[in-house]
Amino acid sequence: MKYMVVIEEGEESFGAYVPDLPGCVAVGDTREEVLSLIEEAIGLHVEMLREEGIPLPPPHSASEYVAVLA
């Protein structure tokens, strides 16, 4: 399965979260670090859901860019 990850750049760090896995988040100093950390967080999140017998939510989020006049 592939889950969409949202990455946000802050003033001093990057944050990431997975809309389809509530509570699955990561923070890193660089984009590369936060991507690595969120991948690990997804794995741990999925493992926890399986251990608790909770079905994995199917990926359903999507993203698009919308052009606007600036």
N, C-alpha and C. Protein backbone atom coordinates (compact mmCIF):
# COMPACT_ATOMS: atom_id res chain seq x y z
N MET A 1 0.83 -1.18 0.00
CA MET A 1 0.00 0.00 0.00
C MET A 1 0.88 1.24 0.00
N LYS A 2 0.35 2.29 -0.58
CA LYS A 2 1.03 3.58 -0.56
C LYS A 2 0.12 4.59 0.11
N TYR A 3 0.66 5.28 1.11
CA TYR A 3 -0.08 6.33 1.80
C TYR A 3 0.49 7.68 1.42
N MET A 4 -0.40 8.65 1.20
CA MET A 4 0.03 10.01 0.90
C MET A 4 0.61 10.63 2.17
N VAL A 5 1.72 11.31 2.02
CA VAL A 5 2.38 11.99 3.12
C VAL A 5 2.39 13.49 2.81
N VAL A 6 1.98 14.29 3.77
CA VAL A 6 2.02 15.75 3.64
C VAL A 6 3.27 16.23 4.36
N ILE A 7 4.08 17.00 3.66
CA ILE A 7 5.30 17.56 4.24
C ILE A 7 5.13 19.07 4.32
N GLU A 8 5.41 19.61 5.48
CA GLU A 8 5.31 21.05 5.68
C GLU A 8 6.66 21.58 6.16
N GLU A 9 7.11 22.65 5.53
CA GLU A 9 8.37 23.27 5.94
C GLU A 9 8.09 24.38 6.93
N GLY A 10 8.69 24.26 8.12
CA GLY A 10 8.57 25.29 9.13
C GLY A 10 9.77 26.21 9.09
N GLU A 11 9.85 27.08 10.06
CA GLU A 11 10.97 28.03 10.11
C GLU A 11 12.30 27.33 10.36
N GLU A 12 12.29 26.27 11.16
CA GLU A 12 13.55 25.61 11.52
C GLU A 12 13.53 24.10 11.32
N SER A 13 12.42 23.55 10.83
CA SER A 13 12.34 22.10 10.67
C SER A 13 11.27 21.75 9.65
N PHE A 14 11.15 20.46 9.39
CA PHE A 14 10.12 19.95 8.50
C PHE A 14 9.21 19.02 9.29
N GLY A 15 7.93 19.08 9.00
CA GLY A 15 6.98 18.18 9.63
C GLY A 15 6.31 17.35 8.55
N ALA A 16 5.86 16.16 8.93
CA ALA A 16 5.16 15.29 7.99
C ALA A 16 4.04 14.58 8.73
N TYR A 17 2.94 14.34 8.02
CA TYR A 17 1.85 13.55 8.58
C TYR A 17 1.15 12.79 7.47
N VAL A 18 0.40 11.78 7.89
CA VAL A 18 -0.30 10.90 6.96
C VAL A 18 -1.79 11.06 7.22
N PRO A 19 -2.53 11.73 6.33
CA PRO A 19 -3.95 11.98 6.58
C PRO A 19 -4.76 10.71 6.82
N ASP A 20 -4.39 9.62 6.18
CA ASP A 20 -5.15 8.37 6.31
C ASP A 20 -4.78 7.56 7.55
N LEU A 21 -3.75 7.99 8.27
CA LEU A 21 -3.33 7.32 9.51
C LEU A 21 -3.25 8.36 10.62
N PRO A 22 -4.39 8.73 11.19
CA PRO A 22 -4.39 9.78 12.22
C PRO A 22 -3.38 9.50 13.33
N GLY A 23 -2.63 10.53 13.67
CA GLY A 23 -1.62 10.40 14.71
C GLY A 23 -0.25 9.98 14.21
N CYS A 24 -0.13 9.67 12.94
CA CYS A 24 1.15 9.25 12.37
C CYS A 24 1.87 10.50 11.87
N VAL A 25 2.87 10.94 12.64
CA VAL A 25 3.56 12.20 12.35
C VAL A 25 5.06 12.04 12.55
N ALA A 26 5.82 12.97 12.00
CA ALA A 26 7.27 12.99 12.19
C ALA A 26 7.76 14.42 12.02
N VAL A 27 8.90 14.72 12.64
CA VAL A 27 9.55 16.02 12.51
C VAL A 27 11.03 15.78 12.30
N GLY A 28 11.64 16.51 11.37
CA GLY A 28 13.06 16.38 11.11
C GLY A 28 13.68 17.71 10.72
N ASP A 29 15.00 17.73 10.75
CA ASP A 29 15.72 18.96 10.41
C ASP A 29 15.73 19.24 8.91
N THR A 30 15.64 18.18 8.09
CA THR A 30 15.66 18.33 6.64
C THR A 30 14.50 17.56 6.02
N ARG A 31 14.22 17.85 4.77
CA ARG A 31 13.17 17.13 4.04
C ARG A 31 13.52 15.64 3.97
N GLU A 32 14.77 15.34 3.69
CA GLU A 32 15.19 13.95 3.58
C GLU A 32 15.02 13.22 4.92
N GLU A 33 15.38 13.91 6.01
CA GLU A 33 15.25 13.28 7.32
C GLU A 33 13.79 13.03 7.66
N VAL A 34 12.92 14.01 7.41
CA VAL A 34 11.52 13.81 7.76
C VAL A 34 10.88 12.72 6.91
N LEU A 35 11.30 12.58 5.66
CA LEU A 35 10.79 11.49 4.83
C LEU A 35 11.21 10.13 5.38
N SER A 36 12.44 10.02 5.81
CA SER A 36 12.92 8.78 6.41
C SER A 36 12.16 8.47 7.71
N LEU A 37 11.98 9.51 8.52
CA LEU A 37 11.29 9.31 9.81
C LEU A 37 9.82 8.97 9.63
N ILE A 38 9.14 9.58 8.65
CA ILE A 38 7.72 9.28 8.47
C ILE A 38 7.55 7.88 7.90
N GLU A 39 8.50 7.43 7.08
CA GLU A 39 8.43 6.06 6.58
C GLU A 39 8.52 5.07 7.75
N GLU A 40 9.43 5.35 8.67
CA GLU A 40 9.57 4.51 9.86
C GLU A 40 8.30 4.59 10.72
N ALA A 41 7.75 5.80 10.87
CA ALA A 41 6.54 5.98 11.67
C ALA A 41 5.35 5.22 11.06
N ILE A 42 5.25 5.21 9.74
CA ILE A 42 4.17 4.47 9.08
C ILE A 42 4.31 2.99 9.39
N GLY A 43 5.52 2.47 9.29
CA GLY A 43 5.74 1.05 9.59
C GLY A 43 5.35 0.70 11.02
N LEU A 44 5.73 1.54 11.97
CA LEU A 44 5.38 1.31 13.37
C LEU A 44 3.88 1.44 13.60
N HIS A 45 3.26 2.40 12.94
CA HIS A 45 1.82 2.62 13.07
C HIS A 45 1.06 1.40 12.56
N VAL A 46 1.45 0.91 11.39
CA VAL A 46 0.80 -0.26 10.79
C VAL A 46 1.00 -1.48 11.69
N GLU A 47 2.20 -1.65 12.21
CA GLU A 47 2.48 -2.77 13.11
C GLU A 47 1.58 -2.71 14.35
N MET A 48 1.42 -1.52 14.93
CA MET A 48 0.57 -1.36 16.11
C MET A 48 -0.88 -1.70 15.79
N LEU A 49 -1.38 -1.23 14.66
CA LEU A 49 -2.76 -1.53 14.27
C LEU A 49 -2.96 -3.03 14.13
N ARG A 50 -2.01 -3.70 13.49
CA ARG A 50 -2.12 -5.15 13.31
C ARG A 50 -2.10 -5.88 14.65
N GLU A 51 -1.22 -5.47 15.54
CA GLU A 51 -1.13 -6.11 16.86
C GLU A 51 -2.43 -5.94 17.65
N GLU A 52 -3.12 -4.83 17.46
CA GLU A 52 -4.37 -4.58 18.16
C GLU A 52 -5.58 -5.11 17.40
N GLY A 53 -5.34 -5.75 16.26
CA GLY A 53 -6.43 -6.32 15.49
C GLY A 53 -7.30 -5.29 14.80
N ILE A 54 -6.76 -4.12 14.60
CA ILE A 54 -7.50 -3.04 13.93
C ILE A 54 -7.18 -3.10 12.43
N PRO A 55 -8.20 -3.12 11.58
CA PRO A 55 -7.92 -3.17 10.14
C PRO A 55 -7.20 -1.92 9.66
N LEU A 56 -6.31 -2.11 8.72
CA LEU A 56 -5.59 -0.97 8.14
C LEU A 56 -6.55 -0.13 7.32
N PRO A 57 -6.56 1.18 7.54
CA PRO A 57 -7.42 2.02 6.72
C PRO A 57 -6.88 2.07 5.29
N PRO A 58 -7.75 1.91 4.33
CA PRO A 58 -7.27 1.99 2.95
C PRO A 58 -6.84 3.41 2.61
N PRO A 59 -5.79 3.53 1.82
CA PRO A 59 -5.38 4.87 1.39
C PRO A 59 -6.49 5.49 0.54
N HIS A 60 -6.90 6.71 0.87
CA HIS A 60 -7.93 7.36 0.06
C HIS A 60 -7.65 8.84 -0.15
N SER A 61 -6.65 9.37 0.51
CA SER A 61 -6.32 10.79 0.33
C SER A 61 -5.62 11.01 -1.00
N ALA A 62 -5.78 12.20 -1.52
CA ALA A 62 -5.12 12.59 -2.77
C ALA A 62 -4.73 14.06 -2.64
N SER A 63 -3.84 14.49 -3.49
CA SER A 63 -3.46 15.90 -3.48
C SER A 63 -3.40 16.42 -4.90
N GLU A 64 -3.63 17.69 -5.03
CA GLU A 64 -3.58 18.39 -6.31
C GLU A 64 -3.05 19.78 -6.07
N TYR A 65 -2.48 20.36 -7.08
CA TYR A 65 -2.09 21.77 -7.04
C TYR A 65 -3.11 22.54 -7.87
N VAL A 66 -3.46 23.73 -7.38
CA VAL A 66 -4.39 24.60 -8.09
C VAL A 66 -3.66 25.91 -8.37
N ALA A 67 -3.64 26.30 -9.62
CA ALA A 67 -2.97 27.54 -10.01
C ALA A 67 -3.91 28.73 -9.77
N VAL A 68 -3.35 29.79 -9.20
CA VAL A 68 -4.13 31.01 -9.00
C VAL A 68 -3.27 32.19 -9.45
N LEU A 69 -3.93 33.27 -9.82
CA LEU A 69 -3.20 34.47 -10.19
C LEU A 69 -2.70 35.13 -8.92
N ALA A 70 -1.44 35.47 -8.89
CA ALA A 70 -0.87 36.09 -7.68
C ALA A 70 -0.61 37.56 -7.92
